[in-house]
């Protein structure tokens, strides 16, 4: 069984959060979020990029189920995945930033390499 962070949310809210963060990562290629959210989105993004590298109809439909925006899906398959064609993994990196002002949550930058 795969372990994951619940992040104090219900299953549907957690899934929606991860979908929107992953879509934002592919749209902007860099996002700032908390460390817990970033580690979860990191693994999801890695799997989607690996899927997009296959570049077949089945992979495109599976990715379309997960990503929120169709323009981001097109960008993933046409621009992002070919960039990593020769790379076996490690498509994202997490860079530590300062703590958040309100609750001192550790903030990080999650970006595509």
Protein backbone atom coordinates (compact mmCIF):
# COMPACT_ATOMS: atom_id res chain seq x y z
CA UNK A 1 0.00 0.00 0.00
CA UNK A 2 1.30 3.43 -0.93
CA UNK A 3 1.61 5.94 1.88
CA UNK A 4 0.65 9.54 1.30
CA UNK A 5 0.06 12.71 3.25
CA UNK A 6 -3.58 13.37 4.10
CA UNK A 7 -2.93 17.08 4.67
CA UNK A 8 -6.02 17.43 6.85
CA UNK A 9 -8.41 17.10 3.92
CA UNK A 10 -11.02 14.67 2.73
CA UNK A 11 -10.18 12.40 -0.18
CA UNK A 12 -12.06 14.49 -2.74
CA UNK A 13 -10.57 17.79 -1.52
CA UNK A 14 -7.08 16.28 -1.49
CA UNK A 15 -7.48 14.95 -5.03
CA UNK A 16 -8.74 18.34 -6.26
CA UNK A 17 -5.82 20.08 -4.57
CA UNK A 18 -3.26 17.77 -6.17
CA UNK A 19 -4.92 18.11 -9.59
CA UNK A 20 -4.86 21.89 -9.46
CA UNK A 21 -1.29 22.08 -8.14
CA UNK A 22 -0.04 19.67 -10.81
CA UNK A 23 -1.82 21.65 -13.52
CA UNK A 24 -0.32 24.89 -12.17
CA UNK A 25 3.15 23.31 -12.13
CA UNK A 26 2.92 22.34 -15.78
CA UNK A 27 1.40 25.69 -16.76
CA UNK A 28 3.97 27.87 -14.97
CA UNK A 29 6.85 25.38 -14.63
CA UNK A 30 7.45 26.69 -11.09
CA UNK A 31 5.11 27.02 -8.11
CA UNK A 32 5.51 27.96 -4.45
CA UNK A 33 3.70 25.76 -1.96
CA UNK A 34 4.21 24.04 1.38
CA UNK A 35 6.70 21.23 1.73
CA UNK A 36 4.09 18.55 2.37
CA UNK A 37 2.04 19.45 -0.70
CA UNK A 38 5.16 19.73 -2.86
CA UNK A 39 6.41 16.23 -2.02
CA UNK A 40 3.07 14.73 -3.01
CA UNK A 41 2.72 16.76 -6.21
CA UNK A 42 6.34 15.92 -7.08
CA UNK A 43 5.60 12.21 -7.42
CA UNK A 44 2.40 12.85 -9.38
CA UNK A 45 4.19 15.17 -11.82
CA UNK A 46 7.00 12.65 -12.34
CA UNK A 47 4.48 9.95 -13.26
CA UNK A 48 2.60 12.24 -15.65
CA UNK A 49 5.79 13.30 -17.45
CA UNK A 50 6.85 9.67 -17.80
CA UNK A 51 3.41 8.90 -19.19
CA UNK A 52 3.65 11.84 -21.61
CA UNK A 53 7.02 10.62 -22.89
CA UNK A 54 5.26 7.57 -24.38
CA UNK A 55 3.14 9.99 -26.44
CA UNK A 56 0.36 7.59 -27.40
CA UNK A 57 -3.40 8.02 -27.28
CA UNK A 58 -3.84 5.96 -24.12
CA UNK A 59 -1.30 8.06 -22.21
CA UNK A 60 -2.91 11.27 -23.43
CA UNK A 61 -6.35 10.16 -22.25
CA UNK A 62 -5.06 9.08 -18.85
CA UNK A 63 -3.30 12.42 -18.39
CA UNK A 64 -6.43 14.27 -19.57
CA UNK A 65 -8.40 12.62 -16.77
CA UNK A 66 -6.02 14.09 -14.23
CA UNK A 67 -5.11 17.55 -15.54
CA UNK A 68 -7.68 20.32 -15.29
CA UNK A 69 -6.85 22.41 -18.39
CA UNK A 70 -6.59 21.12 -21.96
CA UNK A 71 -4.00 23.73 -22.96
CA UNK A 72 -1.78 22.46 -20.16
CA UNK A 73 -2.27 18.91 -21.43
CA UNK A 74 -1.16 20.01 -24.89
CA UNK A 75 1.85 21.80 -23.39
CA UNK A 76 2.79 18.69 -21.41
CA UNK A 77 2.77 16.44 -24.46
CA UNK A 78 4.17 18.92 -27.03
CA UNK A 79 6.76 20.91 -25.08
CA UNK A 80 7.55 19.46 -21.65
CA UNK A 81 7.78 15.71 -22.39
CA UNK A 82 10.10 16.02 -25.44
CA UNK A 83 12.47 18.07 -23.28
CA UNK A 84 13.00 15.03 -21.02
CA UNK A 85 13.06 12.32 -23.70
CA UNK A 86 16.63 11.23 -22.88
CA UNK A 87 16.30 11.70 -19.12
CA UNK A 88 15.38 8.59 -17.10
CA UNK A 89 13.74 10.48 -14.22
CA UNK A 90 14.16 13.38 -11.81
CA UNK A 91 12.14 15.91 -13.78
CA UNK A 92 11.33 18.14 -10.80
CA UNK A 93 13.24 19.72 -7.96
CA UNK A 94 12.23 21.13 -4.60
CA UNK A 95 14.05 24.26 -3.39
CA UNK A 96 13.56 25.42 0.18
CA UNK A 97 12.25 28.94 0.76
CA UNK A 98 11.39 30.87 3.92
CA UNK A 99 8.65 29.94 6.33
CA UNK A 100 5.18 31.36 5.73
CA UNK A 101 4.41 34.46 7.76
CA UNK A 102 1.07 33.47 9.27
CA UNK A 103 1.74 29.98 10.61
CA UNK A 104 5.47 29.44 9.95
CA UNK A 105 4.76 26.56 7.55
CA UNK A 106 7.87 25.57 5.58
CA UNK A 107 7.49 26.88 2.04
CA UNK A 108 9.29 25.49 -1.00
CA UNK A 109 9.55 26.10 -4.72
CA UNK A 110 8.60 23.13 -6.86
CA UNK A 111 9.95 23.48 -10.37
CA UNK A 112 10.67 21.50 -13.49
CA UNK A 113 14.37 20.87 -14.07
